[in-house]
Amino acid sequence: MMMALRRRAGFSSRCKAWIEARPREAELYFGGNMDLGLTGKTALVLGASGGLGRAIALALAREGASVALAGRRIGPLEELASDIQSRGTRAIPVLWDLSDLDAIERVASTTEKDLGGIDILINNTGGPPPGPASGVVDQDIEIGRAHV
């Protein structure tokens, strides 16, 4: 492990000493699993087709959770599901434009049928545009409500 970590980040001799003195902490810090007790749990990750949602889905899967991947772009969702499945964890892509509130029941039913009851919800969705509260208009509030 030591050589892989040193190559990965170009560690100095001080880092090498720290890693050698604390191998368990080093493994956790540099990519090991922390065993958060998620094995056997099911997560529904909204906005999983890229960015933060994708990273959260991968982290949950790495910790043993089955993952339903919801988003608007089926291609990236299918690729991510395939990647997660290749690591031995269950994952399904679920096409869902999160502004379509009528689809909530379909997404929940699909997830429960394929993976089991939903234990974890990651509400990684858009909302009103950034800015001061004084500039919020009614339309921004409705957009925010649609994503909660």
N, C-alpha and C. Protein backbone atom coordinates (compact mmCIF):
# COMPACT_ATOMS: atom_id res chain seq x y z
N MET A 1 0.82 -1.20 0.00
CA MET A 1 0.00 0.00 0.00
C MET A 1 0.86 1.25 0.00
N MET A 2 1.95 1.23 0.73
CA MET A 2 2.79 2.41 0.88
C MET A 2 3.25 2.95 -0.47
N MET A 3 3.75 2.09 -1.35
CA MET A 3 4.26 2.57 -2.63
C MET A 3 3.13 3.16 -3.47
N ALA A 4 1.97 2.52 -3.46
CA ALA A 4 0.84 3.04 -4.23
C ALA A 4 0.45 4.42 -3.74
N LEU A 5 0.42 4.61 -2.43
CA LEU A 5 0.05 5.92 -1.89
C LEU A 5 1.10 6.97 -2.22
N ARG A 6 2.37 6.61 -2.13
CA ARG A 6 3.42 7.58 -2.42
C ARG A 6 3.38 7.98 -3.88
N ARG A 7 3.17 7.02 -4.79
CA ARG A 7 3.09 7.35 -6.22
C ARG A 7 1.87 8.21 -6.50
N ARG A 8 0.79 7.92 -5.83
CA ARG A 8 -0.48 8.60 -6.09
C ARG A 8 -0.41 10.09 -5.80
N ALA A 9 0.26 10.48 -4.75
CA ALA A 9 0.22 11.89 -4.38
C ALA A 9 1.60 12.50 -4.19
N GLY A 10 2.69 11.79 -4.53
CA GLY A 10 4.02 12.34 -4.40
C GLY A 10 4.34 12.71 -2.96
N PHE A 11 4.18 11.78 -2.04
CA PHE A 11 4.35 12.05 -0.62
C PHE A 11 5.79 12.38 -0.26
N SER A 12 5.97 13.24 0.71
CA SER A 12 7.28 13.57 1.25
C SER A 12 7.67 12.53 2.29
N SER A 13 8.88 12.61 2.80
CA SER A 13 9.33 11.66 3.81
C SER A 13 8.52 11.81 5.11
N ARG A 14 8.07 13.02 5.41
CA ARG A 14 7.23 13.20 6.61
C ARG A 14 5.91 12.48 6.45
N CYS A 15 5.31 12.55 5.26
CA CYS A 15 4.06 11.82 5.00
C CYS A 15 4.30 10.32 5.09
N LYS A 16 5.43 9.87 4.56
CA LYS A 16 5.76 8.45 4.62
C LYS A 16 5.82 7.98 6.08
N ALA A 17 6.44 8.76 6.92
CA ALA A 17 6.54 8.40 8.34
C ALA A 17 5.16 8.35 8.98
N TRP A 18 4.30 9.31 8.65
CA TRP A 18 2.95 9.32 9.21
C TRP A 18 2.17 8.08 8.77
N ILE A 19 2.28 7.73 7.50
CA ILE A 19 1.58 6.57 6.97
C ILE A 19 2.08 5.29 7.63
N GLU A 20 3.38 5.18 7.79
CA GLU A 20 3.93 3.97 8.41
C GLU A 20 3.52 3.86 9.88
N ALA A 21 3.38 5.00 10.56
CA ALA A 21 3.00 4.99 11.97
C ALA A 21 1.50 4.76 12.16
N ARG A 22 0.71 5.07 11.16
CA ARG A 22 -0.74 4.98 11.27
C ARG A 22 -1.34 4.32 10.02
N PRO A 23 -1.05 3.06 9.76
CA PRO A 23 -1.52 2.44 8.52
C PRO A 23 -3.04 2.39 8.40
N ARG A 24 -3.75 2.16 9.49
CA ARG A 24 -5.22 2.09 9.44
C ARG A 24 -5.81 3.44 9.06
N GLU A 25 -5.35 4.50 9.71
CA GLU A 25 -5.84 5.85 9.40
C GLU A 25 -5.49 6.24 7.97
N ALA A 26 -4.28 5.84 7.54
CA ALA A 26 -3.87 6.17 6.17
C ALA A 26 -4.77 5.48 5.15
N GLU A 27 -5.11 4.23 5.40
CA GLU A 27 -5.98 3.50 4.48
C GLU A 27 -7.35 4.17 4.38
N LEU A 28 -7.90 4.58 5.51
CA LEU A 28 -9.20 5.26 5.51
C LEU A 28 -9.10 6.61 4.81
N TYR A 29 -8.07 7.36 5.11
CA TYR A 29 -7.92 8.71 4.56
C TYR A 29 -7.70 8.69 3.06
N PHE A 30 -6.97 7.70 2.57
CA PHE A 30 -6.60 7.67 1.17
C PHE A 30 -7.42 6.71 0.34
N GLY A 31 -8.66 6.46 0.73
CA GLY A 31 -9.56 5.72 -0.13
C GLY A 31 -10.13 4.44 0.42
N GLY A 32 -9.88 4.10 1.64
CA GLY A 32 -10.45 2.89 2.20
C GLY A 32 -11.89 3.09 2.61
N ASN A 33 -12.59 2.00 2.83
CA ASN A 33 -13.96 2.08 3.31
C ASN A 33 -13.96 2.27 4.82
N MET A 34 -14.97 2.96 5.32
CA MET A 34 -15.06 3.22 6.75
C MET A 34 -16.07 2.30 7.42
N ASP A 35 -16.76 1.46 6.68
CA ASP A 35 -17.82 0.59 7.19
C ASP A 35 -18.84 1.39 7.99
N LEU A 36 -19.64 2.11 7.27
CA LEU A 36 -20.67 2.94 7.87
C LEU A 36 -21.94 2.15 8.18
N GLY A 37 -21.91 0.84 8.01
CA GLY A 37 -23.07 0.01 8.31
C GLY A 37 -24.17 0.12 7.26
N LEU A 38 -23.80 0.36 6.01
CA LEU A 38 -24.80 0.54 4.97
C LEU A 38 -25.07 -0.73 4.17
N THR A 39 -24.35 -1.80 4.45
CA THR A 39 -24.58 -3.05 3.74
C THR A 39 -26.02 -3.51 4.00
N GLY A 40 -26.71 -3.83 2.90
CA GLY A 40 -28.10 -4.26 3.01
C GLY A 40 -29.11 -3.12 2.97
N LYS A 41 -28.64 -1.88 2.95
CA LYS A 41 -29.53 -0.72 2.86
C LYS A 41 -29.75 -0.38 1.39
N THR A 42 -30.82 0.34 1.11
CA THR A 42 -31.11 0.81 -0.24
C THR A 42 -31.17 2.32 -0.24
N ALA A 43 -30.46 2.93 -1.20
CA ALA A 43 -30.43 4.39 -1.32
C ALA A 43 -31.03 4.80 -2.65
N LEU A 44 -31.80 5.87 -2.63
CA LEU A 44 -32.29 6.52 -3.83
C LEU A 44 -31.53 7.84 -3.94
N VAL A 45 -30.72 7.97 -4.99
CA VAL A 45 -29.90 9.17 -5.17
C VAL A 45 -30.48 9.97 -6.33
N LEU A 46 -30.99 11.15 -6.02
CA LEU A 46 -31.54 12.04 -7.03
C LEU A 46 -30.41 12.87 -7.64
N GLY A 47 -30.49 13.12 -8.93
CA GLY A 47 -29.45 13.88 -9.60
C GLY A 47 -28.15 13.08 -9.70
N ALA A 48 -28.27 11.76 -9.94
CA ALA A 48 -27.11 10.87 -9.92
C ALA A 48 -26.37 10.79 -11.25
N SER A 49 -26.83 11.49 -12.28
CA SER A 49 -26.20 11.33 -13.59
C SER A 49 -24.86 12.04 -13.71
N GLY A 50 -24.48 12.83 -12.73
CA GLY A 50 -23.18 13.49 -12.81
C GLY A 50 -22.85 14.25 -11.55
N GLY A 51 -21.65 14.75 -11.50
CA GLY A 51 -21.21 15.62 -10.41
C GLY A 51 -21.34 15.02 -9.03
N LEU A 52 -21.86 15.81 -8.11
CA LEU A 52 -21.98 15.40 -6.72
C LEU A 52 -22.87 14.18 -6.55
N GLY A 53 -23.98 14.12 -7.27
CA GLY A 53 -24.87 12.96 -7.16
C GLY A 53 -24.18 11.67 -7.54
N ARG A 54 -23.39 11.72 -8.61
CA ARG A 54 -22.63 10.54 -9.04
C ARG A 54 -21.63 10.12 -7.96
N ALA A 55 -20.93 11.09 -7.42
CA ALA A 55 -19.93 10.80 -6.38
C ALA A 55 -20.58 10.21 -5.13
N ILE A 56 -21.73 10.74 -4.75
CA ILE A 56 -22.45 10.22 -3.58
C ILE A 56 -22.89 8.78 -3.84
N ALA A 57 -23.43 8.52 -5.04
CA ALA A 57 -23.88 7.17 -5.38
C ALA A 57 -22.71 6.18 -5.32
N LEU A 58 -21.56 6.56 -5.84
CA LEU A 58 -20.39 5.69 -5.79
C LEU A 58 -19.95 5.43 -4.35
N ALA A 59 -19.97 6.46 -3.53
CA ALA A 59 -19.57 6.31 -2.12
C ALA A 59 -20.54 5.39 -1.38
N LEU A 60 -21.83 5.55 -1.61
CA LEU A 60 -22.81 4.68 -0.96
C LEU A 60 -22.63 3.23 -1.39
N ALA A 61 -22.41 3.04 -2.69
CA ALA A 61 -22.21 1.69 -3.21
C ALA A 61 -20.92 1.08 -2.63
N ARG A 62 -19.89 1.88 -2.52
CA ARG A 62 -18.63 1.40 -1.95
C ARG A 62 -18.83 0.94 -0.50
N GLU A 63 -19.78 1.56 0.18
CA GLU A 63 -20.07 1.19 1.57
C GLU A 63 -21.07 0.04 1.67
N GLY A 64 -21.52 -0.49 0.51
CA GLY A 64 -22.37 -1.67 0.52
C GLY A 64 -23.85 -1.44 0.29
N ALA A 65 -24.26 -0.20 0.08
CA ALA A 65 -25.68 0.07 -0.15
C ALA A 65 -26.05 -0.21 -1.61
N SER A 66 -27.22 -0.78 -1.82
CA SER A 66 -27.78 -0.88 -3.17
C SER A 66 -28.25 0.52 -3.53
N VAL A 67 -28.13 0.88 -4.82
CA VAL A 67 -28.38 2.26 -5.20
C VAL A 67 -29.31 2.37 -6.40
N ALA A 68 -30.39 3.16 -6.24
CA ALA A 68 -31.24 3.54 -7.36
C ALA A 68 -30.74 4.92 -7.80
N LEU A 69 -30.40 5.02 -9.08
CA LEU A 69 -29.78 6.22 -9.63
C LEU A 69 -30.81 6.98 -10.45
N ALA A 70 -31.27 8.12 -9.95
CA ALA A 70 -32.31 8.88 -10.64
C ALA A 70 -31.73 10.13 -11.26
N GLY A 71 -32.18 10.42 -12.47
CA GLY A 71 -31.75 11.63 -13.16
C GLY A 71 -32.41 11.75 -14.51
N ARG A 72 -32.06 12.82 -15.24
CA ARG A 72 -32.69 13.10 -16.53
C ARG A 72 -31.97 12.49 -17.71
N ARG A 73 -30.72 12.07 -17.54
CA ARG A 73 -29.93 11.55 -18.66
C ARG A 73 -29.67 10.06 -18.46
N ILE A 74 -30.36 9.24 -19.25
CA ILE A 74 -30.30 7.80 -19.05
C ILE A 74 -28.92 7.23 -19.36
N GLY A 75 -28.22 7.77 -20.34
CA GLY A 75 -26.90 7.26 -20.70
C GLY A 75 -25.93 7.24 -19.52
N PRO A 76 -25.69 8.39 -18.89
CA PRO A 76 -24.79 8.41 -17.74
C PRO A 76 -25.29 7.55 -16.57
N LEU A 77 -26.61 7.46 -16.40
CA LEU A 77 -27.16 6.63 -15.33
C LEU A 77 -26.87 5.15 -15.59
N GLU A 78 -27.04 4.73 -16.84
CA GLU A 78 -26.77 3.33 -17.19
C GLU A 78 -25.28 3.00 -17.04
N GLU A 79 -24.41 3.94 -17.44
CA GLU A 79 -22.97 3.73 -17.28
C GLU A 79 -22.60 3.61 -15.81
N LEU A 80 -23.16 4.48 -14.98
CA LEU A 80 -22.86 4.44 -13.56
C LEU A 80 -23.39 3.15 -12.93
N ALA A 81 -24.60 2.75 -13.30
CA ALA A 81 -25.16 1.50 -12.77
C ALA A 81 -24.27 0.32 -13.15
N SER A 82 -23.80 0.29 -14.38
CA SER A 82 -22.93 -0.78 -14.84
C SER A 82 -21.61 -0.78 -14.05
N ASP A 83 -21.06 0.40 -13.82
CA ASP A 83 -19.82 0.52 -13.05
C ASP A 83 -20.02 0.00 -11.63
N ILE A 84 -21.10 0.39 -10.99
CA ILE A 84 -21.38 -0.05 -9.62
C ILE A 84 -21.61 -1.55 -9.59
N GLN A 85 -22.37 -2.07 -10.55
CA GLN A 85 -22.64 -3.51 -10.61
C GLN A 85 -21.36 -4.31 -10.82
N SER A 86 -20.43 -3.78 -11.59
CA SER A 86 -19.17 -4.49 -11.84
C SER A 86 -18.33 -4.62 -10.57
N ARG A 87 -18.64 -3.80 -9.58
CA ARG A 87 -17.94 -3.86 -8.29
C ARG A 87 -18.68 -4.76 -7.29
N GLY A 88 -19.77 -5.38 -7.76
CA GLY A 88 -20.47 -6.34 -6.91
C GLY A 88 -21.62 -5.76 -6.09
N THR A 89 -22.05 -4.56 -6.42
CA THR A 89 -23.15 -3.93 -5.68
C THR A 89 -24.33 -3.73 -6.62
N ARG A 90 -25.54 -3.87 -6.10
CA ARG A 90 -26.74 -3.71 -6.91
C ARG A 90 -27.00 -2.24 -7.18
N ALA A 91 -27.37 -1.95 -8.43
CA ALA A 91 -27.69 -0.57 -8.82
C ALA A 91 -28.64 -0.61 -10.02
N ILE A 92 -29.57 0.34 -10.04
CA ILE A 92 -30.48 0.46 -11.18
C ILE A 92 -30.56 1.91 -11.61
N PRO A 93 -30.63 2.16 -12.93
CA PRO A 93 -30.86 3.52 -13.41
C PRO A 93 -32.36 3.79 -13.46
N VAL A 94 -32.77 4.98 -13.06
CA VAL A 94 -34.19 5.35 -13.09
C VAL A 94 -34.28 6.73 -13.76
N LEU A 95 -34.84 6.75 -14.97
CA LEU A 95 -35.01 8.01 -15.68
C LEU A 95 -36.11 8.83 -15.00
N TRP A 96 -35.76 10.04 -14.56
CA TRP A 96 -36.73 10.88 -13.86
C TRP A 96 -36.30 12.34 -13.92
N ASP A 97 -37.12 13.15 -14.55
CA ASP A 97 -36.95 14.59 -14.47
C ASP A 97 -37.59 15.00 -13.16
N LEU A 98 -36.79 15.47 -12.24
CA LEU A 98 -37.26 15.72 -10.88
C LEU A 98 -38.33 16.79 -10.77
N SER A 99 -38.56 17.53 -11.86
CA SER A 99 -39.67 18.48 -11.83
C SER A 99 -41.01 17.79 -12.10
N ASP A 100 -40.97 16.51 -12.49
CA ASP A 100 -42.18 15.73 -12.73
C ASP A 100 -42.60 15.07 -11.42
N LEU A 101 -43.38 15.78 -10.64
CA LEU A 101 -43.79 15.29 -9.33
C LEU A 101 -44.73 14.09 -9.41
N ASP A 102 -45.41 13.93 -10.55
CA ASP A 102 -46.31 12.79 -10.71
C ASP A 102 -45.54 11.47 -10.80
N ALA A 103 -44.23 11.52 -11.04
CA ALA A 103 -43.43 10.31 -11.20
C ALA A 103 -42.90 9.77 -9.88
N ILE A 104 -43.14 10.47 -8.79
CA ILE A 104 -42.60 10.04 -7.49
C ILE A 104 -43.02 8.61 -7.17
N GLU A 105 -44.27 8.29 -7.32
CA GLU A 105 -44.76 6.95 -7.00
C GLU A 105 -44.11 5.89 -7.88
N ARG A 106 -43.95 6.20 -9.17
CA ARG A 106 -43.32 5.24 -10.09
C ARG A 106 -41.87 4.98 -9.68
N VAL A 107 -41.13 6.03 -9.36
CA VAL A 107 -39.73 5.87 -8.97
C VAL A 107 -39.62 5.07 -7.67
N ALA A 108 -40.46 5.40 -6.70
CA ALA A 108 -40.43 4.67 -5.42
C ALA A 108 -40.80 3.21 -5.63
N SER A 109 -41.82 2.94 -6.44
CA SER A 109 -42.24 1.56 -6.69
C SER A 109 -41.16 0.76 -7.42
N THR A 110 -40.55 1.37 -8.42
CA THR A 110 -39.48 0.70 -9.16
C THR A 110 -38.31 0.37 -8.24
N THR A 111 -37.93 1.33 -7.41
CA THR A 111 -36.83 1.10 -6.48
C THR A 111 -37.15 -0.01 -5.50
N GLU A 112 -38.34 0.04 -4.92
CA GLU A 112 -38.73 -0.98 -3.95
C GLU A 112 -38.83 -2.36 -4.59
N LYS A 113 -39.34 -2.44 -5.82
CA LYS A 113 -39.49 -3.72 -6.51
C LYS A 113 -38.12 -4.32 -6.83
N ASP A 114 -37.19 -3.50 -7.31
CA ASP A 114 -35.89 -4.00 -7.77
C ASP A 114 -34.84 -4.11 -6.67
N LEU A 115 -34.90 -3.25 -5.66
CA LEU A 115 -33.84 -3.20 -4.66
C LEU A 115 -34.33 -3.36 -3.22
N GLY A 116 -35.62 -3.21 -2.99
CA GLY A 116 -36.14 -3.25 -1.62
C GLY A 116 -36.54 -1.86 -1.18
N GLY A 117 -37.08 -1.77 0.03
CA GLY A 117 -37.53 -0.49 0.57
C GLY A 117 -36.41 0.54 0.63
N ILE A 118 -36.76 1.78 0.46
CA ILE A 118 -35.77 2.87 0.46
C ILE A 118 -35.43 3.23 1.91
N ASP A 119 -34.14 3.09 2.25
CA ASP A 119 -33.65 3.43 3.58
C ASP A 119 -33.00 4.81 3.60
N ILE A 120 -32.42 5.21 2.46
CA ILE A 120 -31.64 6.46 2.38
C ILE A 120 -32.11 7.24 1.17
N LEU A 121 -32.40 8.52 1.37
CA LEU A 121 -32.76 9.41 0.26
C LEU A 121 -31.72 10.52 0.19
N ILE A 122 -31.10 10.66 -0.98
CA ILE A 122 -30.18 11.76 -1.23
C ILE A 122 -30.90 12.72 -2.17
N ASN A 123 -31.32 13.85 -1.64
CA ASN A 123 -32.08 14.83 -2.41
C ASN A 123 -31.11 15.84 -3.02
N ASN A 124 -30.34 15.37 -3.99
CA ASN A 124 -29.33 16.18 -4.66
C ASN A 124 -29.97 16.79 -5.91
N THR A 125 -30.74 17.82 -5.70
CA THR A 125 -31.47 18.42 -6.82
C THR A 125 -31.18 19.90 -6.89
N GLY A 126 -31.63 20.48 -7.98
CA GLY A 126 -31.48 21.92 -8.15
C GLY A 126 -32.45 22.65 -7.25
N GLY A 127 -32.57 23.89 -7.46
CA GLY A 127 -33.46 24.72 -6.67
C GLY A 127 -33.43 26.12 -7.22
N PRO A 128 -33.78 27.08 -6.42
CA PRO A 128 -33.74 28.45 -6.92
C PRO A 128 -32.31 28.86 -7.23
N PRO A 129 -32.14 29.82 -8.12
CA PRO A 129 -30.78 30.26 -8.45
C PRO A 129 -30.12 30.91 -7.22
N PRO A 130 -28.79 30.85 -7.14
CA PRO A 130 -28.10 31.47 -6.01
C PRO A 130 -28.31 32.97 -6.00
N GLY A 131 -28.34 33.53 -4.82
CA GLY A 131 -28.50 34.97 -4.68
C GLY A 131 -29.04 35.32 -3.31
N PRO A 132 -29.14 36.59 -3.02
CA PRO A 132 -29.64 37.00 -1.70
C PRO A 132 -31.13 36.70 -1.56
N ALA A 133 -31.56 36.47 -0.34
CA ALA A 133 -32.96 36.17 -0.07
C ALA A 133 -33.87 37.30 -0.51
N SER A 134 -33.37 38.53 -0.46
CA SER A 134 -34.20 39.67 -0.85
C SER A 134 -34.55 39.66 -2.32
N GLY A 135 -33.80 38.89 -3.13
CA GLY A 135 -34.07 38.85 -4.57
C GLY A 135 -34.94 37.68 -4.99
N VAL A 136 -35.41 36.87 -4.05
CA VAL A 136 -36.21 35.70 -4.38
C VAL A 136 -37.61 36.13 -4.80
N VAL A 137 -38.07 35.58 -5.91
CA VAL A 137 -39.43 35.87 -6.39
C VAL A 137 -40.27 34.60 -6.26
N ASP A 138 -41.58 34.74 -6.41
CA ASP A 138 -42.49 33.60 -6.25
C ASP A 138 -42.10 32.41 -7.12
N GLN A 139 -41.66 32.68 -8.36
CA GLN A 139 -41.28 31.59 -9.26
C GLN A 139 -40.09 30.80 -8.68
N ASP A 140 -39.13 31.48 -8.07
CA ASP A 140 -37.99 30.80 -7.45
C ASP A 140 -38.45 29.90 -6.31
N ILE A 141 -39.41 30.35 -5.54
CA ILE A 141 -39.93 29.56 -4.43
C ILE A 141 -40.61 28.30 -4.95
N GLU A 142 -41.37 28.42 -6.02
CA GLU A 142 -42.04 27.25 -6.61
C GLU A 142 -41.04 26.27 -7.18
N ILE A 143 -39.97 26.77 -7.80
CA ILE A 143 -38.92 25.88 -8.32
C ILE A 143 -38.29 25.12 -7.15
N GLY A 144 -38.02 25.80 -6.07
CA GLY A 144 -37.45 25.16 -4.88
C GLY A 144 -38.38 24.11 -4.31
N ARG A 145 -39.67 24.39 -4.26
CA ARG A 145 -40.64 23.42 -3.73
C ARG A 145 -40.70 22.17 -4.59
N ALA A 146 -40.53 22.34 -5.89
CA ALA A 146 -40.60 21.20 -6.79
C ALA A 146 -39.45 20.23 -6.57
N HIS A 147 -38.39 20.71 -5.94
CA HIS A 147 -37.21 19.88 -5.73
C HIS A 147 -37.06 19.38 -4.31
N VAL A 148 -38.07 19.55 -3.49
CA VAL A 148 -37.98 19.08 -2.10
C VAL A 148 -38.76 17.80 -1.94
